[in-house]
N, C-alpha and C. Protein backbone atom coordinates (compact mmCIF):
# COMPACT_ATOMS: atom_id res chain seq x y z
N MET A 1 41.48 -67.98 59.79
CA MET A 1 41.87 -66.56 59.70
C MET A 1 40.62 -65.70 59.55
N GLY A 2 40.41 -64.73 60.42
CA GLY A 2 39.21 -63.88 60.39
C GLY A 2 39.30 -62.84 59.30
N LYS A 3 38.15 -62.40 58.84
CA LYS A 3 38.10 -61.35 57.83
C LYS A 3 38.24 -59.97 58.48
N ASN A 4 38.80 -59.09 57.77
CA ASN A 4 38.97 -57.71 58.21
C ASN A 4 37.56 -57.06 58.17
N PRO A 5 37.02 -56.62 59.30
CA PRO A 5 35.65 -56.08 59.32
C PRO A 5 35.52 -54.77 58.53
N ARG A 6 36.63 -54.11 58.25
CA ARG A 6 36.61 -52.85 57.51
C ARG A 6 36.68 -53.10 56.00
N PHE A 7 37.00 -54.33 55.59
CA PHE A 7 37.10 -54.66 54.18
C PHE A 7 35.75 -55.04 53.63
N HIS A 8 35.41 -54.52 52.48
CA HIS A 8 34.17 -54.83 51.83
C HIS A 8 34.47 -55.38 50.42
N ALA A 9 34.22 -56.64 50.20
CA ALA A 9 34.52 -57.23 48.91
C ALA A 9 33.51 -56.70 47.87
N LEU A 10 34.01 -56.35 46.72
CA LEU A 10 33.18 -55.86 45.63
C LEU A 10 33.04 -56.93 44.55
N ASP A 11 31.82 -57.11 44.04
CA ASP A 11 31.69 -58.03 42.93
C ASP A 11 31.95 -57.29 41.63
N ARG A 12 31.88 -57.97 40.53
CA ARG A 12 32.20 -57.38 39.21
C ARG A 12 31.32 -56.16 38.91
N VAL A 13 30.05 -56.24 39.24
CA VAL A 13 29.12 -55.14 38.99
C VAL A 13 29.45 -53.92 39.87
N ASP A 14 29.69 -54.18 41.16
CA ASP A 14 30.08 -53.08 42.06
C ASP A 14 31.33 -52.40 41.52
N CYS A 15 32.32 -53.15 41.11
CA CYS A 15 33.56 -52.58 40.58
C CYS A 15 33.27 -51.70 39.36
N SER A 16 32.38 -52.17 38.48
CA SER A 16 32.04 -51.38 37.31
C SER A 16 31.41 -50.05 37.71
N ILE A 17 30.52 -50.13 38.65
CA ILE A 17 29.85 -48.90 39.16
C ILE A 17 30.86 -47.94 39.80
N VAL A 18 31.72 -48.44 40.65
CA VAL A 18 32.70 -47.58 41.34
C VAL A 18 33.67 -47.01 40.30
N ARG A 19 34.09 -47.79 39.31
CA ARG A 19 34.99 -47.24 38.28
C ARG A 19 34.27 -46.12 37.54
N ALA A 20 33.00 -46.28 37.21
CA ALA A 20 32.28 -45.23 36.52
C ALA A 20 32.17 -43.97 37.38
N LEU A 21 31.92 -44.15 38.69
CA LEU A 21 31.85 -42.97 39.58
C LEU A 21 33.20 -42.31 39.74
N GLN A 22 34.26 -43.06 39.75
CA GLN A 22 35.63 -42.48 39.84
C GLN A 22 35.95 -41.65 38.60
N ARG A 23 35.49 -42.12 37.43
CA ARG A 23 35.68 -41.38 36.18
C ARG A 23 34.89 -40.11 36.18
N ASN A 24 33.62 -40.20 36.62
CA ASN A 24 32.74 -39.02 36.61
C ASN A 24 31.65 -39.22 37.64
N GLY A 25 31.82 -38.63 38.81
CA GLY A 25 30.87 -38.76 39.89
C GLY A 25 29.54 -38.10 39.64
N ARG A 26 29.45 -37.37 38.52
CA ARG A 26 28.20 -36.67 38.18
C ARG A 26 27.33 -37.50 37.23
N ASP A 27 27.82 -38.64 36.78
CA ASP A 27 27.00 -39.47 35.90
C ASP A 27 25.73 -39.86 36.61
N SER A 28 24.62 -39.92 35.86
CA SER A 28 23.36 -40.30 36.47
C SER A 28 23.29 -41.84 36.62
N PHE A 29 22.37 -42.31 37.44
CA PHE A 29 22.20 -43.75 37.58
C PHE A 29 21.87 -44.38 36.22
N ALA A 30 21.09 -43.69 35.42
CA ALA A 30 20.71 -44.20 34.07
C ALA A 30 21.91 -44.31 33.18
N GLU A 31 22.82 -43.28 33.21
CA GLU A 31 24.03 -43.34 32.37
C GLU A 31 24.94 -44.49 32.78
N ILE A 32 25.12 -44.66 34.08
CA ILE A 32 25.97 -45.75 34.58
C ILE A 32 25.30 -47.08 34.23
N GLY A 33 24.01 -47.21 34.44
CA GLY A 33 23.31 -48.42 34.11
C GLY A 33 23.41 -48.80 32.64
N LYS A 34 23.26 -47.83 31.78
CA LYS A 34 23.39 -48.08 30.32
C LYS A 34 24.78 -48.60 29.99
N ALA A 35 25.80 -48.01 30.61
CA ALA A 35 27.18 -48.42 30.30
C ALA A 35 27.51 -49.83 30.80
N ILE A 36 26.83 -50.28 31.87
CA ILE A 36 27.19 -51.59 32.42
C ILE A 36 26.08 -52.63 32.30
N GLY A 37 24.94 -52.26 31.69
CA GLY A 37 23.87 -53.22 31.45
C GLY A 37 22.97 -53.44 32.63
N LEU A 38 22.68 -52.41 33.42
CA LEU A 38 21.78 -52.50 34.56
C LEU A 38 20.73 -51.40 34.45
N SER A 39 19.62 -51.59 35.14
CA SER A 39 18.59 -50.53 35.25
C SER A 39 19.10 -49.43 36.18
N ALA A 40 18.55 -48.26 36.00
CA ALA A 40 18.92 -47.14 36.91
C ALA A 40 18.55 -47.46 38.32
N THR A 41 17.44 -48.15 38.56
CA THR A 41 17.06 -48.55 39.90
C THR A 41 18.04 -49.49 40.55
N SER A 42 18.51 -50.45 39.74
CA SER A 42 19.52 -51.40 40.28
C SER A 42 20.84 -50.66 40.63
N VAL A 43 21.24 -49.73 39.76
CA VAL A 43 22.45 -48.96 40.03
C VAL A 43 22.30 -48.15 41.33
N ALA A 44 21.11 -47.49 41.45
CA ALA A 44 20.87 -46.67 42.62
C ALA A 44 20.93 -47.53 43.90
N GLU A 45 20.35 -48.70 43.88
CA GLU A 45 20.34 -49.58 45.03
C GLU A 45 21.74 -50.02 45.41
N ARG A 46 22.54 -50.41 44.38
CA ARG A 46 23.91 -50.81 44.67
C ARG A 46 24.74 -49.64 45.21
N ILE A 47 24.56 -48.46 44.66
CA ILE A 47 25.30 -47.30 45.18
C ILE A 47 24.88 -47.02 46.61
N ARG A 48 23.60 -47.12 46.91
CA ARG A 48 23.13 -46.93 48.28
C ARG A 48 23.81 -47.89 49.24
N ARG A 49 23.90 -49.19 48.84
CA ARG A 49 24.54 -50.20 49.67
C ARG A 49 26.05 -49.88 49.83
N LEU A 50 26.68 -49.43 48.78
CA LEU A 50 28.15 -49.10 48.85
C LEU A 50 28.36 -47.90 49.77
N GLU A 51 27.40 -46.95 49.75
CA GLU A 51 27.47 -45.79 50.67
C GLU A 51 27.31 -46.26 52.11
N GLU A 52 26.30 -47.09 52.35
CA GLU A 52 26.02 -47.58 53.71
C GLU A 52 27.19 -48.41 54.25
N ALA A 53 27.88 -49.16 53.38
CA ALA A 53 29.02 -49.98 53.77
C ALA A 53 30.27 -49.11 54.00
N GLY A 54 30.18 -47.83 53.60
CA GLY A 54 31.38 -46.96 53.75
C GLY A 54 32.38 -47.03 52.63
N VAL A 55 32.10 -47.82 51.59
CA VAL A 55 32.97 -47.92 50.45
C VAL A 55 33.01 -46.57 49.73
N ILE A 56 31.83 -46.00 49.54
CA ILE A 56 31.73 -44.66 48.96
C ILE A 56 31.56 -43.70 50.13
N GLU A 57 32.55 -42.87 50.37
CA GLU A 57 32.56 -41.97 51.53
C GLU A 57 31.83 -40.68 51.25
N GLY A 58 31.75 -40.31 49.99
CA GLY A 58 31.08 -39.03 49.67
C GLY A 58 31.39 -38.65 48.26
N TYR A 59 30.91 -37.47 47.90
CA TYR A 59 31.12 -36.92 46.54
C TYR A 59 31.60 -35.52 46.70
N GLY A 60 32.42 -35.09 45.76
CA GLY A 60 32.99 -33.74 45.93
C GLY A 60 33.33 -33.13 44.60
N VAL A 61 33.88 -31.92 44.72
CA VAL A 61 34.30 -31.14 43.56
C VAL A 61 35.80 -30.89 43.72
N ARG A 62 36.54 -31.06 42.63
CA ARG A 62 37.98 -30.70 42.63
C ARG A 62 38.10 -29.30 42.11
N LEU A 63 38.68 -28.42 42.94
CA LEU A 63 38.84 -27.04 42.52
C LEU A 63 40.27 -26.75 42.09
N ALA A 64 40.40 -25.78 41.18
CA ALA A 64 41.72 -25.34 40.70
C ALA A 64 42.22 -24.29 41.65
N ALA A 65 43.06 -24.66 42.60
CA ALA A 65 43.56 -23.72 43.64
C ALA A 65 44.17 -22.49 43.02
N ALA A 66 44.93 -22.64 41.95
CA ALA A 66 45.60 -21.49 41.32
C ALA A 66 44.58 -20.45 40.80
N LYS A 67 43.47 -20.92 40.27
CA LYS A 67 42.45 -20.02 39.75
C LYS A 67 41.70 -19.33 40.87
N LEU A 68 41.84 -19.82 42.09
CA LEU A 68 41.20 -19.22 43.24
C LEU A 68 42.16 -18.35 44.06
N GLY A 69 43.38 -18.15 43.47
CA GLY A 69 44.33 -17.29 44.14
C GLY A 69 45.35 -17.99 44.99
N TYR A 70 45.44 -19.33 44.85
CA TYR A 70 46.40 -20.12 45.64
C TYR A 70 47.27 -20.97 44.68
N PRO A 71 48.21 -20.29 43.96
CA PRO A 71 49.01 -21.06 42.98
C PRO A 71 50.13 -21.86 43.51
N VAL A 72 50.50 -21.72 44.79
CA VAL A 72 51.66 -22.41 45.37
C VAL A 72 51.11 -23.56 46.26
N THR A 73 51.60 -24.79 45.93
CA THR A 73 51.28 -25.94 46.78
C THR A 73 52.54 -26.33 47.50
N ALA A 74 52.40 -26.62 48.79
CA ALA A 74 53.57 -27.06 49.57
C ALA A 74 53.19 -28.26 50.45
N PHE A 75 54.17 -29.13 50.67
CA PHE A 75 54.03 -30.22 51.62
C PHE A 75 54.88 -29.86 52.81
N ILE A 76 54.28 -29.94 53.99
CA ILE A 76 54.99 -29.57 55.22
C ILE A 76 55.15 -30.82 56.08
N LEU A 77 56.40 -31.20 56.32
CA LEU A 77 56.69 -32.33 57.17
C LEU A 77 56.99 -31.78 58.54
N ALA A 78 56.36 -32.37 59.56
CA ALA A 78 56.50 -31.80 60.91
C ALA A 78 56.70 -32.88 61.99
N ARG A 79 57.54 -32.55 62.93
CA ARG A 79 57.72 -33.35 64.15
C ARG A 79 57.15 -32.48 65.27
N PRO A 80 56.01 -32.85 65.89
CA PRO A 80 55.37 -31.99 66.87
C PRO A 80 56.19 -31.74 68.10
N ASN A 81 55.95 -30.61 68.73
CA ASN A 81 56.51 -30.20 69.97
C ASN A 81 55.44 -30.46 71.05
N GLY A 82 55.31 -31.68 71.48
CA GLY A 82 54.23 -32.03 72.43
C GLY A 82 53.32 -33.06 71.83
N PRO A 83 52.15 -33.20 72.41
CA PRO A 83 51.21 -34.25 71.95
C PRO A 83 50.76 -34.04 70.52
N ASP A 84 50.62 -35.16 69.80
CA ASP A 84 50.17 -35.11 68.43
C ASP A 84 48.80 -34.43 68.29
N ALA A 85 47.92 -34.67 69.24
CA ALA A 85 46.59 -34.05 69.18
C ALA A 85 46.64 -32.54 69.20
N ARG A 86 47.61 -32.00 69.95
CA ARG A 86 47.76 -30.54 70.00
C ARG A 86 48.20 -30.00 68.64
N PHE A 87 49.12 -30.72 67.99
CA PHE A 87 49.58 -30.30 66.70
C PHE A 87 48.44 -30.34 65.68
N VAL A 88 47.65 -31.40 65.70
CA VAL A 88 46.50 -31.51 64.77
C VAL A 88 45.53 -30.37 65.04
N LYS A 89 45.29 -30.04 66.24
CA LYS A 89 44.43 -28.93 66.58
C LYS A 89 44.91 -27.63 65.98
N VAL A 90 46.20 -27.36 66.09
CA VAL A 90 46.79 -26.16 65.48
C VAL A 90 46.66 -26.16 63.98
N VAL A 91 46.97 -27.28 63.33
CA VAL A 91 46.91 -27.38 61.89
C VAL A 91 45.47 -27.16 61.37
N LYS A 92 44.49 -27.68 62.11
CA LYS A 92 43.08 -27.52 61.69
C LYS A 92 42.63 -26.07 61.72
N GLN A 93 43.38 -25.20 62.37
CA GLN A 93 43.00 -23.78 62.46
C GLN A 93 43.26 -23.05 61.16
N ARG A 94 43.98 -23.64 60.25
CA ARG A 94 44.41 -22.96 59.05
C ARG A 94 43.70 -23.55 57.81
N SER A 95 42.93 -22.73 57.13
CA SER A 95 42.17 -23.20 55.98
C SER A 95 43.12 -23.51 54.75
N GLU A 96 44.32 -23.00 54.80
CA GLU A 96 45.25 -23.30 53.71
C GLU A 96 45.68 -24.77 53.69
N ILE A 97 45.54 -25.41 54.81
CA ILE A 97 45.96 -26.82 54.89
C ILE A 97 44.80 -27.74 54.41
N LEU A 98 45.05 -28.41 53.32
CA LEU A 98 44.02 -29.23 52.67
C LEU A 98 43.93 -30.62 53.30
N ALA A 99 45.06 -31.15 53.73
CA ALA A 99 45.14 -32.52 54.31
C ALA A 99 46.29 -32.58 55.27
N CYS A 100 46.16 -33.43 56.26
CA CYS A 100 47.24 -33.69 57.20
C CYS A 100 47.21 -35.17 57.52
N HIS A 101 48.35 -35.82 57.30
CA HIS A 101 48.44 -37.27 57.53
C HIS A 101 49.48 -37.57 58.61
N ARG A 102 49.17 -38.49 59.47
CA ARG A 102 50.18 -39.01 60.42
C ARG A 102 50.97 -40.07 59.68
N VAL A 103 52.29 -39.99 59.75
CA VAL A 103 53.16 -40.86 58.93
C VAL A 103 54.27 -41.48 59.77
N THR A 104 54.93 -42.47 59.18
CA THR A 104 56.07 -43.11 59.78
C THR A 104 57.35 -42.34 59.32
N GLY A 105 58.47 -42.62 60.01
CA GLY A 105 59.71 -42.03 59.62
C GLY A 105 60.18 -40.96 60.56
N ASP A 106 61.03 -40.10 60.02
CA ASP A 106 61.62 -39.02 60.87
C ASP A 106 60.64 -37.95 61.28
N PHE A 107 59.53 -37.87 60.57
CA PHE A 107 58.51 -36.86 60.89
C PHE A 107 57.22 -37.59 61.28
N SER A 108 56.39 -36.93 62.03
CA SER A 108 55.15 -37.52 62.48
C SER A 108 53.98 -37.21 61.54
N PHE A 109 54.06 -36.04 60.89
CA PHE A 109 52.99 -35.57 60.06
C PHE A 109 53.47 -35.01 58.73
N ILE A 110 52.64 -35.14 57.72
CA ILE A 110 52.84 -34.45 56.47
C ILE A 110 51.50 -33.76 56.10
N ALA A 111 51.60 -32.48 55.85
CA ALA A 111 50.40 -31.70 55.54
C ALA A 111 50.57 -31.10 54.16
N GLN A 112 49.46 -31.03 53.46
CA GLN A 112 49.44 -30.36 52.14
C GLN A 112 48.74 -29.01 52.30
N ALA A 113 49.41 -28.00 51.78
CA ALA A 113 48.84 -26.63 51.90
C ALA A 113 48.86 -25.93 50.55
N VAL A 114 47.93 -25.01 50.37
CA VAL A 114 47.96 -24.11 49.18
C VAL A 114 48.01 -22.71 49.72
N VAL A 115 48.89 -21.91 49.09
CA VAL A 115 49.09 -20.51 49.52
C VAL A 115 49.19 -19.58 48.33
N ARG A 116 49.06 -18.25 48.62
CA ARG A 116 49.09 -17.26 47.55
C ARG A 116 50.49 -17.07 46.96
N ASP A 117 51.51 -17.12 47.87
CA ASP A 117 52.86 -16.84 47.45
C ASP A 117 53.79 -17.26 48.61
N VAL A 118 55.10 -17.06 48.43
CA VAL A 118 56.07 -17.49 49.46
C VAL A 118 55.92 -16.68 50.77
N THR A 119 55.47 -15.45 50.67
CA THR A 119 55.24 -14.66 51.89
C THR A 119 54.13 -15.28 52.68
N HIS A 120 53.07 -15.75 52.03
CA HIS A 120 51.93 -16.38 52.67
C HIS A 120 52.41 -17.68 53.27
N LEU A 121 53.24 -18.44 52.54
CA LEU A 121 53.79 -19.70 53.04
C LEU A 121 54.63 -19.45 54.32
N GLU A 122 55.45 -18.43 54.28
CA GLU A 122 56.24 -18.08 55.47
C GLU A 122 55.37 -17.78 56.68
N GLU A 123 54.29 -17.04 56.45
CA GLU A 123 53.37 -16.67 57.53
C GLU A 123 52.73 -17.96 58.10
N LEU A 124 52.33 -18.88 57.22
CA LEU A 124 51.76 -20.16 57.64
C LEU A 124 52.76 -20.97 58.48
N LEU A 125 54.02 -21.01 58.04
CA LEU A 125 55.04 -21.76 58.77
C LEU A 125 55.33 -21.13 60.11
N ASN A 126 55.33 -19.80 60.17
CA ASN A 126 55.52 -19.11 61.44
C ASN A 126 54.39 -19.43 62.42
N PHE A 127 53.18 -19.60 61.91
CA PHE A 127 52.03 -19.98 62.73
C PHE A 127 52.25 -21.39 63.29
N LEU A 128 52.72 -22.30 62.45
CA LEU A 128 52.87 -23.71 62.85
C LEU A 128 54.10 -23.94 63.70
N GLU A 129 55.13 -23.13 63.57
CA GLU A 129 56.40 -23.33 64.22
C GLU A 129 56.35 -23.58 65.76
N PRO A 130 55.56 -22.88 66.54
CA PRO A 130 55.51 -23.18 67.99
C PRO A 130 54.99 -24.58 68.31
N ALA A 131 54.24 -25.16 67.38
CA ALA A 131 53.66 -26.47 67.65
C ALA A 131 54.57 -27.61 67.18
N ALA A 132 55.71 -27.27 66.61
CA ALA A 132 56.60 -28.29 66.02
C ALA A 132 58.06 -28.10 66.42
N VAL A 133 58.75 -29.20 66.68
CA VAL A 133 60.19 -29.16 66.98
C VAL A 133 60.96 -28.95 65.72
N HIS A 134 60.48 -29.58 64.65
CA HIS A 134 61.20 -29.53 63.37
C HIS A 134 60.18 -29.52 62.22
N ILE A 135 60.39 -28.62 61.27
CA ILE A 135 59.55 -28.55 60.08
C ILE A 135 60.44 -28.51 58.84
N VAL A 136 60.06 -29.29 57.85
CA VAL A 136 60.69 -29.25 56.55
C VAL A 136 59.58 -28.97 55.52
N THR A 137 59.82 -28.04 54.61
CA THR A 137 58.83 -27.65 53.63
C THR A 137 59.28 -27.99 52.24
N LEU A 138 58.39 -28.61 51.48
CA LEU A 138 58.67 -28.94 50.08
C LEU A 138 57.67 -28.20 49.23
N VAL A 139 58.18 -27.34 48.33
CA VAL A 139 57.27 -26.60 47.42
C VAL A 139 57.15 -27.34 46.12
N VAL A 140 55.91 -27.50 45.68
CA VAL A 140 55.63 -28.24 44.45
C VAL A 140 55.97 -27.35 43.25
N LEU A 141 56.81 -27.86 42.36
CA LEU A 141 57.18 -27.12 41.14
C LEU A 141 56.14 -27.42 40.05
N SER A 142 55.76 -28.67 39.92
CA SER A 142 54.70 -29.06 38.98
C SER A 142 54.14 -30.40 39.43
N THR A 143 52.97 -30.70 38.94
CA THR A 143 52.27 -31.94 39.33
C THR A 143 52.18 -32.86 38.12
N ALA A 144 52.79 -34.02 38.18
CA ALA A 144 52.72 -34.98 37.08
C ALA A 144 51.30 -35.50 36.92
N PHE A 145 50.69 -35.87 38.01
CA PHE A 145 49.27 -36.27 37.98
C PHE A 145 48.76 -36.29 39.42
N GLU A 146 47.46 -36.24 39.58
CA GLU A 146 46.80 -36.41 40.85
C GLU A 146 45.40 -36.86 40.64
N GLY A 147 44.74 -37.34 41.67
CA GLY A 147 43.36 -37.80 41.55
C GLY A 147 43.23 -39.09 40.79
N ALA A 148 44.26 -39.90 40.79
CA ALA A 148 44.17 -41.18 40.09
C ALA A 148 43.15 -42.07 40.76
N PRO A 149 42.41 -42.84 40.03
CA PRO A 149 41.40 -43.74 40.63
C PRO A 149 42.08 -44.85 41.41
N ILE A 150 41.39 -45.31 42.46
CA ILE A 150 41.86 -46.47 43.20
C ILE A 150 41.68 -47.73 42.37
N SER A 151 42.69 -48.54 42.28
CA SER A 151 42.61 -49.79 41.52
C SER A 151 41.67 -50.72 42.22
N LEU A 152 40.79 -51.34 41.47
CA LEU A 152 39.81 -52.30 42.04
C LEU A 152 40.12 -53.73 41.65
N ASP A 153 41.31 -53.95 41.06
CA ASP A 153 41.67 -55.30 40.60
C ASP A 153 41.60 -56.34 41.70
N SER A 154 42.08 -55.98 42.90
CA SER A 154 42.07 -56.97 43.97
C SER A 154 40.83 -56.80 44.86
N ALA A 155 39.97 -55.85 44.56
CA ALA A 155 38.81 -55.59 45.40
C ALA A 155 37.61 -56.47 45.03
N SER A 156 37.63 -56.99 43.82
CA SER A 156 36.49 -57.79 43.38
C SER A 156 36.61 -59.22 43.85
N SER A 157 35.47 -59.85 44.04
CA SER A 157 35.48 -61.23 44.50
C SER A 157 35.39 -62.21 43.38
């Protein structure tokens, strides 16, 4: 049985480093090293290898959409009217859409959007409507949690 070329096995130390980065991506190499018993140089080298392997895709900042004037989050389920690529092109034109995933089931896509209010949401849906045969919108009332770390229990060798 061949190995999945996209899978990268993590050893115990890699898992510790990735867990630390998931908790706080701003920790220094020295802080991570101190927590797991490695030198800053060793931590830096391992992180560089994890980046090159594509395990670590990047670093970012989580923003509070509501504090930036976008207090309403909605999930938009869509069945495109035409080629999927055309729908994706239309969705990418709108900065309110934070993510768009191709999915299984009755709909082909689910997109996450943040908007100022329901009038803004309606305007966004009107923009998307010509590109979709059917759209269902789910407005988020509250968020129980998000940004949970990826479990590394089965990732270590």
